[in-house]
Amino acid sequence: MSTGNSQAASRIDLDLIAQMIAPGSRVLDVGCGDGDLLALLQSKKNVDGRGVELSQEGVNACVARGLSVVQGDADTDLAAYPDGAFDYVILSQTIQATRNPKEVMRALKRIGRCVVVSFPNFGNWRVRLKLLFSGRMPETRSLGYSWYDTPNIHLCTLLDFAELCEDLGLKIEDAVTVTGNRARRISRPGAIANLLASDAVFLLSRRD
């Protein structure tokens, strides 16, 4: 279910997520794609990793790599997991492809002690300029689809996502923005970060 299109951006995304995960943790990767992140976490962080992937092709690829992955839909199948089953639940480049992002985030909060989310930032200046001057839906390295065939149905900005976290009682423990091939840690998602970032990675915890 992962929708990242740029290999370079995706690689940075995975490395940044891996840095946020404590060694030996129990991890659930929702929308795990071909299993690149799970394989990285098992190799580098010795995690007890599980995955959920919508596409049968992705599941098959994961199983071929020896990964523990089941086919499932983030919008409907997370209810099967018990409260607090994992130390970290990861949603990498997938939240924008879900039908109900708020309910998916609520489920992640219930299942995991911490939640890690990465997504393309629709508030990036390139997106704004392309929409302003062309009058058409932007296509960028992180959003490399035409409007009629994109899996991205709920695009958001850094500020939108931070507001959703506040509404759900999720505390931002760490946040890293990606611009090109460069990553930058931010204390909080403000207007400048929202303008410059092409992608972002957030580490979240429960407030309650």
N, C-alpha and C. Protein backbone atom coordinates (compact mmCIF):
# COMPACT_ATOMS: atom_id res chain seq x y z
N MET A 1 0.83 -1.21 0.00
CA MET A 1 0.00 0.00 0.00
C MET A 1 0.86 1.25 0.00
N SER A 2 2.11 1.09 0.29
CA SER A 2 3.00 2.24 0.28
C SER A 2 3.03 2.88 -1.09
N THR A 3 3.02 4.23 -1.15
CA THR A 3 2.86 4.92 -2.42
C THR A 3 4.05 5.79 -2.80
N GLY A 4 5.20 5.62 -2.15
CA GLY A 4 6.37 6.42 -2.49
C GLY A 4 6.84 6.13 -3.90
N ASN A 5 7.29 7.15 -4.62
CA ASN A 5 7.67 6.98 -6.01
C ASN A 5 9.15 7.22 -6.26
N SER A 6 9.79 8.02 -5.47
CA SER A 6 11.20 8.32 -5.69
C SER A 6 12.06 7.38 -4.86
N GLN A 7 12.98 6.65 -5.52
CA GLN A 7 13.83 5.73 -4.79
C GLN A 7 14.69 6.46 -3.79
N ALA A 8 15.24 7.62 -4.16
CA ALA A 8 16.09 8.37 -3.25
C ALA A 8 15.31 8.85 -2.05
N ALA A 9 14.12 9.44 -2.30
CA ALA A 9 13.30 9.95 -1.21
C ALA A 9 12.85 8.82 -0.31
N SER A 10 12.48 7.68 -0.93
CA SER A 10 12.03 6.53 -0.16
C SER A 10 13.15 6.01 0.73
N ARG A 11 14.38 5.97 0.21
CA ARG A 11 15.52 5.48 0.98
C ARG A 11 15.76 6.36 2.20
N ILE A 12 15.71 7.66 2.02
CA ILE A 12 15.85 8.58 3.15
C ILE A 12 14.73 8.35 4.15
N ASP A 13 13.52 8.18 3.67
CA ASP A 13 12.36 7.94 4.51
C ASP A 13 12.58 6.70 5.39
N LEU A 14 13.04 5.62 4.80
CA LEU A 14 13.24 4.39 5.56
C LEU A 14 14.35 4.55 6.59
N ASP A 15 15.44 5.20 6.22
CA ASP A 15 16.55 5.40 7.15
C ASP A 15 16.13 6.26 8.34
N LEU A 16 15.35 7.31 8.07
CA LEU A 16 14.90 8.18 9.15
C LEU A 16 13.98 7.43 10.11
N ILE A 17 13.09 6.62 9.56
CA ILE A 17 12.20 5.82 10.41
C ILE A 17 13.01 4.85 11.26
N ALA A 18 13.99 4.18 10.64
CA ALA A 18 14.80 3.22 11.37
C ALA A 18 15.53 3.86 12.54
N GLN A 19 15.94 5.11 12.37
CA GLN A 19 16.63 5.82 13.46
C GLN A 19 15.71 6.06 14.65
N MET A 20 14.41 6.08 14.43
CA MET A 20 13.45 6.36 15.50
C MET A 20 13.03 5.10 16.26
N ILE A 21 13.42 3.93 15.78
CA ILE A 21 12.97 2.67 16.37
C ILE A 21 14.03 2.12 17.32
N ALA A 22 13.63 1.79 18.55
CA ALA A 22 14.55 1.22 19.53
C ALA A 22 14.87 -0.23 19.19
N PRO A 23 16.10 -0.66 19.38
CA PRO A 23 16.47 -2.05 19.08
C PRO A 23 15.62 -3.05 19.87
N GLY A 24 15.32 -4.18 19.23
CA GLY A 24 14.59 -5.24 19.91
C GLY A 24 13.11 -4.99 20.10
N SER A 25 12.56 -3.96 19.46
CA SER A 25 11.16 -3.58 19.66
C SER A 25 10.21 -4.51 18.89
N ARG A 26 8.96 -4.51 19.34
CA ARG A 26 7.89 -5.16 18.59
C ARG A 26 7.31 -4.11 17.64
N VAL A 27 7.32 -4.41 16.33
CA VAL A 27 6.97 -3.42 15.32
C VAL A 27 5.93 -3.98 14.37
N LEU A 28 4.92 -3.15 14.06
CA LEU A 28 3.95 -3.45 13.02
C LEU A 28 4.07 -2.39 11.94
N ASP A 29 4.36 -2.81 10.71
CA ASP A 29 4.47 -1.91 9.57
C ASP A 29 3.20 -2.03 8.74
N VAL A 30 2.38 -1.00 8.76
CA VAL A 30 1.10 -1.00 8.06
C VAL A 30 1.28 -0.38 6.67
N GLY A 31 0.93 -1.14 5.63
CA GLY A 31 1.22 -0.69 4.28
C GLY A 31 2.68 -0.88 3.96
N CYS A 32 3.19 -2.09 4.21
CA CYS A 32 4.64 -2.34 4.19
C CYS A 32 5.21 -2.55 2.80
N GLY A 33 4.36 -2.55 1.75
CA GLY A 33 4.88 -2.68 0.39
C GLY A 33 5.63 -3.97 0.18
N ASP A 34 6.84 -3.89 -0.39
CA ASP A 34 7.67 -5.07 -0.65
C ASP A 34 8.50 -5.50 0.55
N GLY A 35 8.36 -4.78 1.67
CA GLY A 35 9.05 -5.18 2.89
C GLY A 35 10.42 -4.57 3.11
N ASP A 36 10.75 -3.52 2.36
CA ASP A 36 12.08 -2.91 2.50
C ASP A 36 12.34 -2.41 3.92
N LEU A 37 11.36 -1.75 4.52
CA LEU A 37 11.55 -1.21 5.86
C LEU A 37 11.63 -2.32 6.89
N LEU A 38 10.76 -3.32 6.80
CA LEU A 38 10.82 -4.43 7.75
C LEU A 38 12.16 -5.15 7.68
N ALA A 39 12.64 -5.38 6.47
CA ALA A 39 13.93 -6.04 6.30
C ALA A 39 15.05 -5.20 6.91
N LEU A 40 14.99 -3.88 6.72
CA LEU A 40 16.00 -2.99 7.28
C LEU A 40 15.96 -3.02 8.80
N LEU A 41 14.77 -2.98 9.37
CA LEU A 41 14.63 -2.98 10.84
C LEU A 41 15.07 -4.30 11.45
N GLN A 42 14.78 -5.39 10.79
CA GLN A 42 15.22 -6.68 11.31
C GLN A 42 16.74 -6.81 11.24
N SER A 43 17.33 -6.28 10.17
CA SER A 43 18.78 -6.37 10.00
C SER A 43 19.53 -5.43 10.93
N LYS A 44 19.05 -4.17 11.03
CA LYS A 44 19.80 -3.15 11.77
C LYS A 44 19.36 -3.01 13.23
N LYS A 45 18.09 -3.30 13.52
CA LYS A 45 17.57 -3.07 14.87
C LYS A 45 17.08 -4.34 15.56
N ASN A 46 17.19 -5.46 14.90
CA ASN A 46 16.81 -6.75 15.49
C ASN A 46 15.40 -6.71 16.08
N VAL A 47 14.47 -6.14 15.33
CA VAL A 47 13.10 -6.01 15.84
C VAL A 47 12.32 -7.30 15.62
N ASP A 48 11.25 -7.45 16.39
CA ASP A 48 10.25 -8.48 16.15
C ASP A 48 9.21 -7.84 15.24
N GLY A 49 9.37 -8.00 13.93
CA GLY A 49 8.59 -7.23 12.97
C GLY A 49 7.46 -8.01 12.33
N ARG A 50 6.33 -7.33 12.16
CA ARG A 50 5.17 -7.86 11.45
C ARG A 50 4.73 -6.81 10.44
N GLY A 51 4.02 -7.24 9.40
CA GLY A 51 3.57 -6.30 8.39
C GLY A 51 2.15 -6.58 7.93
N VAL A 52 1.50 -5.52 7.45
CA VAL A 52 0.19 -5.60 6.82
C VAL A 52 0.30 -4.91 5.48
N GLU A 53 -0.13 -5.58 4.41
CA GLU A 53 -0.02 -5.02 3.07
C GLU A 53 -1.27 -5.33 2.27
N LEU A 54 -1.79 -4.32 1.57
CA LEU A 54 -3.03 -4.48 0.82
C LEU A 54 -2.84 -5.33 -0.44
N SER A 55 -1.76 -5.12 -1.17
CA SER A 55 -1.59 -5.80 -2.46
C SER A 55 -1.05 -7.21 -2.27
N GLN A 56 -1.58 -8.15 -3.05
CA GLN A 56 -1.09 -9.52 -3.00
C GLN A 56 0.35 -9.60 -3.48
N GLU A 57 0.70 -8.76 -4.46
CA GLU A 57 2.07 -8.74 -4.97
C GLU A 57 3.05 -8.35 -3.87
N GLY A 58 2.67 -7.35 -3.08
CA GLY A 58 3.53 -6.94 -1.97
C GLY A 58 3.67 -8.02 -0.93
N VAL A 59 2.57 -8.67 -0.59
CA VAL A 59 2.62 -9.76 0.39
C VAL A 59 3.53 -10.87 -0.11
N ASN A 60 3.37 -11.24 -1.37
CA ASN A 60 4.20 -12.30 -1.93
C ASN A 60 5.68 -11.95 -1.88
N ALA A 61 5.99 -10.70 -2.20
CA ALA A 61 7.39 -10.25 -2.16
C ALA A 61 7.95 -10.32 -0.75
N CYS A 62 7.14 -9.93 0.23
CA CYS A 62 7.58 -9.96 1.63
C CYS A 62 7.82 -11.40 2.10
N VAL A 63 6.88 -12.27 1.79
CA VAL A 63 6.99 -13.67 2.21
C VAL A 63 8.23 -14.31 1.57
N ALA A 64 8.50 -13.95 0.32
CA ALA A 64 9.69 -14.48 -0.36
C ALA A 64 10.98 -14.04 0.33
N ARG A 65 10.92 -12.93 1.05
CA ARG A 65 12.09 -12.44 1.79
C ARG A 65 12.14 -12.98 3.21
N GLY A 66 11.18 -13.84 3.55
CA GLY A 66 11.13 -14.41 4.89
C GLY A 66 10.51 -13.50 5.93
N LEU A 67 9.73 -12.53 5.51
CA LEU A 67 9.10 -11.58 6.43
C LEU A 67 7.71 -12.05 6.81
N SER A 68 7.29 -11.72 8.02
CA SER A 68 5.97 -12.10 8.53
C SER A 68 4.96 -11.02 8.18
N VAL A 69 4.28 -11.21 7.06
CA VAL A 69 3.36 -10.20 6.53
C VAL A 69 2.05 -10.86 6.13
N VAL A 70 0.93 -10.19 6.45
CA VAL A 70 -0.39 -10.68 6.06
C VAL A 70 -1.05 -9.65 5.15
N GLN A 71 -1.98 -10.11 4.35
CA GLN A 71 -2.73 -9.19 3.50
C GLN A 71 -3.83 -8.55 4.32
N GLY A 72 -3.96 -7.24 4.22
CA GLY A 72 -4.97 -6.54 4.98
C GLY A 72 -5.08 -5.09 4.55
N ASP A 73 -6.17 -4.47 4.95
CA ASP A 73 -6.49 -3.08 4.61
C ASP A 73 -6.43 -2.24 5.87
N ALA A 74 -5.64 -1.17 5.84
CA ALA A 74 -5.50 -0.30 7.01
C ALA A 74 -6.84 0.28 7.45
N ASP A 75 -7.75 0.48 6.51
CA ASP A 75 -9.04 1.09 6.85
C ASP A 75 -9.99 0.13 7.56
N THR A 76 -9.81 -1.17 7.38
CA THR A 76 -10.80 -2.11 7.90
C THR A 76 -10.25 -3.20 8.81
N ASP A 77 -8.97 -3.49 8.73
CA ASP A 77 -8.45 -4.69 9.39
C ASP A 77 -7.63 -4.44 10.65
N LEU A 78 -7.41 -3.20 11.02
CA LEU A 78 -6.62 -2.92 12.22
C LEU A 78 -7.38 -3.22 13.51
N ALA A 79 -8.70 -3.32 13.42
CA ALA A 79 -9.51 -3.63 14.60
C ALA A 79 -9.19 -5.00 15.17
N ALA A 80 -8.60 -5.89 14.37
CA ALA A 80 -8.29 -7.24 14.81
C ALA A 80 -7.10 -7.29 15.77
N TYR A 81 -6.33 -6.20 15.83
CA TYR A 81 -5.14 -6.19 16.69
C TYR A 81 -5.50 -5.69 18.08
N PRO A 82 -4.99 -6.36 19.13
CA PRO A 82 -5.31 -5.94 20.50
C PRO A 82 -4.63 -4.64 20.91
N ASP A 83 -5.15 -4.01 21.94
CA ASP A 83 -4.57 -2.77 22.46
C ASP A 83 -3.13 -3.01 22.90
N GLY A 84 -2.27 -2.07 22.57
CA GLY A 84 -0.89 -2.11 23.04
C GLY A 84 -0.09 -3.31 22.60
N ALA A 85 -0.42 -3.87 21.44
CA ALA A 85 0.25 -5.09 20.99
C ALA A 85 1.68 -4.86 20.52
N PHE A 86 2.00 -3.61 20.16
CA PHE A 86 3.32 -3.31 19.59
C PHE A 86 3.94 -2.09 20.26
N ASP A 87 5.26 -2.06 20.26
CA ASP A 87 5.98 -0.88 20.75
C ASP A 87 5.86 0.26 19.74
N TYR A 88 5.95 -0.08 18.44
CA TYR A 88 5.85 0.91 17.38
C TYR A 88 4.91 0.40 16.29
N VAL A 89 4.04 1.28 15.83
CA VAL A 89 3.25 1.01 14.63
C VAL A 89 3.65 2.05 13.60
N ILE A 90 3.99 1.59 12.40
CA ILE A 90 4.53 2.46 11.37
C ILE A 90 3.55 2.57 10.20
N LEU A 91 3.37 3.78 9.72
CA LEU A 91 2.56 4.05 8.53
C LEU A 91 3.42 4.90 7.60
N SER A 92 4.14 4.24 6.71
CA SER A 92 5.13 4.91 5.87
C SER A 92 4.59 5.18 4.48
N GLN A 93 4.45 6.48 4.14
CA GLN A 93 3.97 6.90 2.82
C GLN A 93 2.66 6.21 2.45
N THR A 94 1.76 6.11 3.42
CA THR A 94 0.51 5.36 3.23
C THR A 94 -0.72 6.13 3.70
N ILE A 95 -0.58 7.03 4.66
CA ILE A 95 -1.76 7.68 5.25
C ILE A 95 -2.59 8.40 4.21
N GLN A 96 -1.94 8.97 3.18
CA GLN A 96 -2.67 9.72 2.16
C GLN A 96 -3.47 8.80 1.24
N ALA A 97 -3.21 7.49 1.30
CA ALA A 97 -3.94 6.54 0.47
C ALA A 97 -5.07 5.85 1.21
N THR A 98 -5.26 6.18 2.49
CA THR A 98 -6.35 5.57 3.26
C THR A 98 -7.65 6.35 3.06
N ARG A 99 -8.77 5.65 3.25
CA ARG A 99 -10.07 6.29 3.07
C ARG A 99 -10.44 7.17 4.26
N ASN A 100 -10.02 6.78 5.45
CA ASN A 100 -10.37 7.54 6.65
C ASN A 100 -9.12 7.69 7.52
N PRO A 101 -8.24 8.65 7.18
CA PRO A 101 -6.98 8.79 7.91
C PRO A 101 -7.14 8.98 9.41
N LYS A 102 -8.15 9.71 9.83
CA LYS A 102 -8.32 9.95 11.27
C LYS A 102 -8.60 8.67 12.02
N GLU A 103 -9.45 7.81 11.48
CA GLU A 103 -9.76 6.55 12.15
C GLU A 103 -8.58 5.60 12.10
N VAL A 104 -7.82 5.63 11.01
CA VAL A 104 -6.62 4.82 10.93
C VAL A 104 -5.61 5.26 12.00
N MET A 105 -5.43 6.57 12.16
CA MET A 105 -4.53 7.07 13.18
C MET A 105 -5.02 6.72 14.58
N ARG A 106 -6.31 6.75 14.78
CA ARG A 106 -6.87 6.37 16.09
C ARG A 106 -6.56 4.89 16.39
N ALA A 107 -6.66 4.05 15.35
CA ALA A 107 -6.34 2.63 15.53
C ALA A 107 -4.86 2.42 15.82
N LEU A 108 -4.00 3.16 15.14
CA LEU A 108 -2.56 3.04 15.38
C LEU A 108 -2.22 3.44 16.81
N LYS A 109 -2.84 4.49 17.29
CA LYS A 109 -2.63 4.94 18.67
C LYS A 109 -3.03 3.86 19.66
N ARG A 110 -4.10 3.15 19.38
CA ARG A 110 -4.57 2.09 20.27
C ARG A 110 -3.64 0.88 20.25
N ILE A 111 -3.14 0.54 19.07
CA ILE A 111 -2.35 -0.67 18.91
C ILE A 111 -0.91 -0.51 19.40
N GLY A 112 -0.34 0.67 19.19
CA GLY A 112 1.08 0.86 19.48
C GLY A 112 1.36 1.84 20.60
N ARG A 113 2.46 1.61 21.31
CA ARG A 113 2.91 2.56 22.32
C ARG A 113 3.38 3.85 21.65
N CYS A 114 4.02 3.72 20.49
CA CYS A 114 4.43 4.86 19.69
C CYS A 114 3.98 4.65 18.24
N VAL A 115 3.81 5.75 17.53
CA VAL A 115 3.37 5.70 16.14
C VAL A 115 4.36 6.50 15.31
N VAL A 116 4.78 5.92 14.19
CA VAL A 116 5.68 6.61 13.26
C VAL A 116 4.96 6.76 11.93
N VAL A 117 4.87 7.99 11.44
CA VAL A 117 4.15 8.27 10.20
C VAL A 117 5.03 9.10 9.28
N SER A 118 5.13 8.70 8.02
CA SER A 118 5.78 9.54 7.01
C SER A 118 4.80 9.78 5.87
N PHE A 119 4.92 10.94 5.23
CA PHE A 119 3.97 11.30 4.17
C PHE A 119 4.54 12.42 3.31
N PRO A 120 4.06 12.56 2.07
CA PRO A 120 4.44 13.69 1.24
C PRO A 120 3.72 14.95 1.70
N ASN A 121 4.42 16.08 1.68
CA ASN A 121 3.86 17.34 2.16
C ASN A 121 3.25 18.14 1.00
N PHE A 122 1.92 18.26 1.02
CA PHE A 122 1.23 18.99 -0.03
C PHE A 122 1.39 20.50 0.12
N GLY A 123 1.99 20.94 1.23
CA GLY A 123 2.24 22.37 1.44
C GLY A 123 3.57 22.85 0.90
N ASN A 124 4.34 21.95 0.28
CA ASN A 124 5.65 22.32 -0.27
C ASN A 124 5.53 23.43 -1.32
N TRP A 125 6.52 24.28 -1.39
CA TRP A 125 6.44 25.45 -2.27
C TRP A 125 6.32 25.06 -3.74
N ARG A 126 6.93 23.95 -4.14
CA ARG A 126 6.82 23.52 -5.54
C ARG A 126 5.39 23.15 -5.88
N VAL A 127 4.72 22.49 -4.95
CA VAL A 127 3.31 22.12 -5.15
C VAL A 127 2.47 23.38 -5.28
N ARG A 128 2.71 24.34 -4.40
CA ARG A 128 1.93 25.58 -4.41
C ARG A 128 2.12 26.34 -5.72
N LEU A 129 3.37 26.44 -6.17
CA LEU A 129 3.64 27.19 -7.40
C LEU A 129 3.04 26.51 -8.62
N LYS A 130 3.14 25.19 -8.69
CA LYS A 130 2.60 24.48 -9.85
C LYS A 130 1.08 24.64 -9.92
N LEU A 131 0.44 24.59 -8.77
CA LEU A 131 -1.01 24.77 -8.75
C LEU A 131 -1.38 26.21 -9.08
N LEU A 132 -0.59 27.15 -8.56
CA LEU A 132 -0.88 28.57 -8.79
C LEU A 132 -0.72 28.96 -10.25
N PHE A 133 0.40 28.55 -10.87
CA PHE A 133 0.70 29.02 -12.21
C PHE A 133 0.16 28.15 -13.33
N SER A 134 -0.02 26.86 -13.08
CA SER A 134 -0.55 25.99 -14.14
C SER A 134 -2.05 25.78 -14.01
N GLY A 135 -2.58 25.96 -12.78
CA GLY A 135 -4.00 25.72 -12.57
C GLY A 135 -4.38 24.26 -12.65
N ARG A 136 -3.39 23.38 -12.52
CA ARG A 136 -3.62 21.94 -12.62
C ARG A 136 -3.03 21.25 -11.40
N MET A 137 -3.51 20.02 -11.11
CA MET A 137 -2.99 19.27 -9.97
C MET A 137 -1.50 19.01 -10.16
N PRO A 138 -0.69 19.32 -9.15
CA PRO A 138 0.77 19.22 -9.28
C PRO A 138 1.23 17.77 -9.33
N GLU A 139 2.32 17.55 -10.06
CA GLU A 139 3.06 16.29 -10.02
C GLU A 139 4.49 16.64 -9.62
N THR A 140 4.97 16.00 -8.56
CA THR A 140 6.32 16.22 -8.08
C THR A 140 6.99 14.87 -7.87
N ARG A 141 8.23 14.90 -7.39
CA ARG A 141 8.94 13.66 -7.13
C ARG A 141 8.21 12.81 -6.09
N SER A 142 7.65 13.46 -5.07
CA SER A 142 6.94 12.73 -4.03
C SER A 142 5.49 12.43 -4.42
N LEU A 143 4.95 13.20 -5.34
CA LEU A 143 3.56 13.03 -5.78
C LEU A 143 3.56 12.80 -7.29
N GLY A 144 4.09 11.67 -7.69
CA GLY A 144 4.33 11.43 -9.10
C GLY A 144 3.21 10.72 -9.83
N TYR A 145 1.99 11.18 -9.64
CA TYR A 145 0.84 10.60 -10.31
C TYR A 145 0.00 11.69 -10.96
N SER A 146 -0.70 11.31 -12.03
CA SER A 146 -1.72 12.19 -12.58
C SER A 146 -2.95 12.16 -11.67
N TRP A 147 -3.76 13.19 -11.73
CA TRP A 147 -4.90 13.29 -10.82
C TRP A 147 -5.87 12.12 -10.98
N TYR A 148 -5.93 11.52 -12.17
CA TYR A 148 -6.95 10.49 -12.44
C TYR A 148 -6.48 9.08 -12.08
N ASP A 149 -5.18 8.88 -11.80
CA ASP A 149 -4.74 7.53 -11.45
C ASP A 149 -3.98 7.47 -10.14
N THR A 150 -4.06 8.54 -9.35
CA THR A 150 -3.32 8.58 -8.10
C THR A 150 -4.00 7.75 -7.01
N PRO A 151 -3.21 7.03 -6.20
CA PRO A 151 -3.77 6.36 -5.03
C PRO A 151 -3.92 7.33 -3.85
N ASN A 152 -3.38 8.55 -4.00
CA ASN A 152 -3.42 9.53 -2.91
C ASN A 152 -4.76 10.26 -2.90
N ILE A 153 -5.59 9.92 -1.93
CA ILE A 153 -6.94 10.49 -1.90
C ILE A 153 -7.14 11.49 -0.77
N HIS A 154 -6.20 11.55 0.19
CA HIS A 154 -6.31 12.50 1.29
C HIS A 154 -4.95 13.16 1.54
N LEU A 155 -4.56 14.02 0.63
CA LEU A 155 -3.29 14.72 0.78
C LEU A 155 -3.38 15.75 1.91
N CYS A 156 -2.25 15.98 2.59
CA CYS A 156 -2.25 16.95 3.68
C CYS A 156 -0.91 17.66 3.73
N THR A 157 -0.86 18.70 4.55
CA THR A 157 0.37 19.44 4.79
C THR A 157 0.88 19.10 6.18
N LEU A 158 2.09 19.57 6.49
CA LEU A 158 2.63 19.37 7.84
C LEU A 158 1.71 19.96 8.90
N LEU A 159 1.18 21.14 8.62
CA LEU A 159 0.31 21.80 9.59
C LEU A 159 -1.00 21.03 9.77
N ASP A 160 -1.54 20.51 8.69
CA ASP A 160 -2.75 19.69 8.79
C ASP A 160 -2.50 18.47 9.67
N PHE A 161 -1.37 17.80 9.45
CA PHE A 161 -1.07 16.58 10.19
C PHE A 161 -0.85 16.89 11.67
N ALA A 162 -0.15 17.97 11.96
CA ALA A 162 0.07 18.36 13.36
C ALA A 162 -1.25 18.64 14.06
N GLU A 163 -2.18 19.27 13.36
CA GLU A 163 -3.50 19.54 13.93
C GLU A 163 -4.26 18.24 14.20
N LEU A 164 -4.15 17.27 13.30
CA LEU A 164 -4.79 15.98 13.52
C LEU A 164 -4.21 15.28 14.74
N CYS A 165 -2.90 15.33 14.90
CA CYS A 165 -2.26 14.73 16.08
C CYS A 165 -2.77 15.36 17.36
N GLU A 166 -2.88 16.67 17.37
CA GLU A 166 -3.39 17.37 18.54
C GLU A 166 -4.82 16.94 18.86
N ASP A 167 -5.63 16.82 17.83
CA ASP A 167 -7.02 16.41 18.00
C ASP A 167 -7.14 15.00 18.56
N LEU A 168 -6.21 14.12 18.20
CA LEU A 168 -6.26 12.73 18.63
C LEU A 168 -5.51 12.48 19.94
N GLY A 169 -4.94 13.51 20.52
CA GLY A 169 -4.19 13.33 21.75
C GLY A 169 -2.86 12.65 21.55
N LEU A 170 -2.21 12.92 20.42
CA LEU A 170 -0.90 12.35 20.12
C LEU A 170 0.16 13.44 20.25
N LYS A 171 1.20 13.14 20.99
CA LYS A 171 2.30 14.07 21.21
C LYS A 171 3.40 13.85 20.18
N ILE A 172 3.90 14.92 19.59
CA ILE A 172 5.00 14.82 18.63
C ILE A 172 6.31 14.73 19.41
N GLU A 173 6.90 13.54 19.42
CA GLU A 173 8.16 13.32 20.11
C GLU A 173 9.36 13.72 19.26
N ASP A 174 9.23 13.54 17.96
CA ASP A 174 10.32 13.87 17.03
C ASP A 174 9.71 14.13 15.67
N ALA A 175 10.32 15.00 14.90
CA ALA A 175 9.84 15.30 13.55
C ALA A 175 11.03 15.66 12.67
N VAL A 176 11.07 15.07 11.48
CA VAL A 176 12.15 15.31 10.54
C VAL A 176 11.54 15.62 9.18
N THR A 177 11.99 16.68 8.56
CA THR A 177 11.53 17.02 7.22
C THR A 177 12.59 16.63 6.19
N VAL A 178 12.13 16.34 4.98
CA VAL A 178 13.02 15.98 3.88
C VAL A 178 12.84 17.00 2.77
N THR A 179 13.94 17.57 2.31
CA THR A 179 13.95 18.48 1.18
C THR A 179 15.01 17.98 0.21
N GLY A 180 14.58 17.49 -0.95
CA GLY A 180 15.52 16.85 -1.85
C GLY A 180 16.08 15.60 -1.21
N ASN A 181 17.41 15.53 -1.07
CA ASN A 181 18.05 14.41 -0.41
C ASN A 181 18.57 14.78 0.98
N ARG A 182 18.08 15.88 1.51
CA ARG A 182 18.57 16.36 2.81
C ARG A 182 17.45 16.29 3.85
N ALA A 183 17.81 15.85 5.04
CA ALA A 183 16.87 15.74 6.15
C ALA A 183 17.19 16.79 7.21
N ARG A 184 16.14 17.30 7.85
CA ARG A 184 16.33 18.33 8.88
C ARG A 184 15.36 18.08 10.02
N ARG A 185 15.89 17.99 11.22
CA ARG A 185 15.05 17.81 12.41
C ARG A 185 14.45 19.15 12.80
N ILE A 186 13.16 19.14 13.13
CA ILE A 186 12.47 20.37 13.52
C ILE A 186 11.85 20.17 14.90
N SER A 187 11.74 21.27 15.65
CA SER A 187 11.15 21.18 16.99
C SER A 187 9.64 21.12 16.91
N ARG A 188 9.08 21.82 15.92
CA ARG A 188 7.64 21.78 15.70
C ARG A 188 7.37 22.20 14.24
N PRO A 189 6.30 21.68 13.65
CA PRO A 189 6.01 22.01 12.25
C PRO A 189 5.42 23.41 12.10
N GLY A 190 6.24 24.35 11.73
CA GLY A 190 5.78 25.72 11.52
C GLY A 190 5.65 26.05 10.04
N ALA A 191 5.42 27.33 9.76
CA ALA A 191 5.15 27.78 8.40
C ALA A 191 6.33 27.56 7.46
N ILE A 192 7.56 27.79 7.95
CA ILE A 192 8.74 27.64 7.10
C ILE A 192 8.96 26.18 6.74
N ALA A 193 8.89 25.30 7.74
CA ALA A 193 9.05 23.87 7.47
C ALA A 193 7.97 23.38 6.52
N ASN A 194 6.76 23.88 6.69
CA ASN A 194 5.65 23.49 5.84
C ASN A 194 5.87 23.93 4.40
N LEU A 195 6.57 25.03 4.22
CA LEU A 195 6.85 25.56 2.89
C LEU A 195 7.97 24.79 2.19
N LEU A 196 9.00 24.39 2.95
CA LEU A 196 10.21 23.82 2.34
C LEU A 196 10.19 22.31 2.20
N ALA A 197 9.51 21.61 3.10
CA ALA A 197 9.59 20.15 3.13
C ALA A 197 8.84 19.51 1.98
N SER A 198 9.46 18.52 1.36
CA SER A 198 8.76 17.71 0.37
C SER A 198 8.12 16.49 1.03
N ASP A 199 8.73 16.01 2.11
CA ASP A 199 8.22 14.87 2.87
C ASP A 199 8.51 15.11 4.34
N ALA A 200 7.87 14.33 5.21
CA ALA A 200 8.10 14.46 6.64
C ALA A 200 7.94 13.11 7.32
N VAL A 201 8.64 12.95 8.45
CA VAL A 201 8.53 11.76 9.29
C VAL A 201 8.26 12.23 10.71
N PHE A 202 7.21 11.69 11.33
CA PHE A 202 6.84 12.05 12.69
C PHE A 202 6.89 10.83 13.61
N LEU A 203 7.47 11.00 14.79
CA LEU A 203 7.39 10.02 15.86
C LEU A 203 6.41 10.54 16.90
N LEU A 204 5.38 9.76 17.19
CA LEU A 204 4.28 10.20 18.04
C LEU A 204 4.11 9.25 19.24
N SER A 205 3.60 9.81 20.34
CA SER A 205 3.26 9.00 21.51
C SER A 205 1.91 9.45 22.04
N ARG A 206 1.30 8.65 22.88
CA ARG A 206 0.00 8.99 23.45
C ARG A 206 0.17 10.07 24.53
N ARG A 207 -0.72 11.03 24.52
CA ARG A 207 -0.73 12.02 25.60
C ARG A 207 -1.38 11.48 26.86
N ASP A 208 -2.35 10.58 26.68
CA ASP A 208 -3.06 10.05 27.83
C ASP A 208 -2.59 8.66 28.20
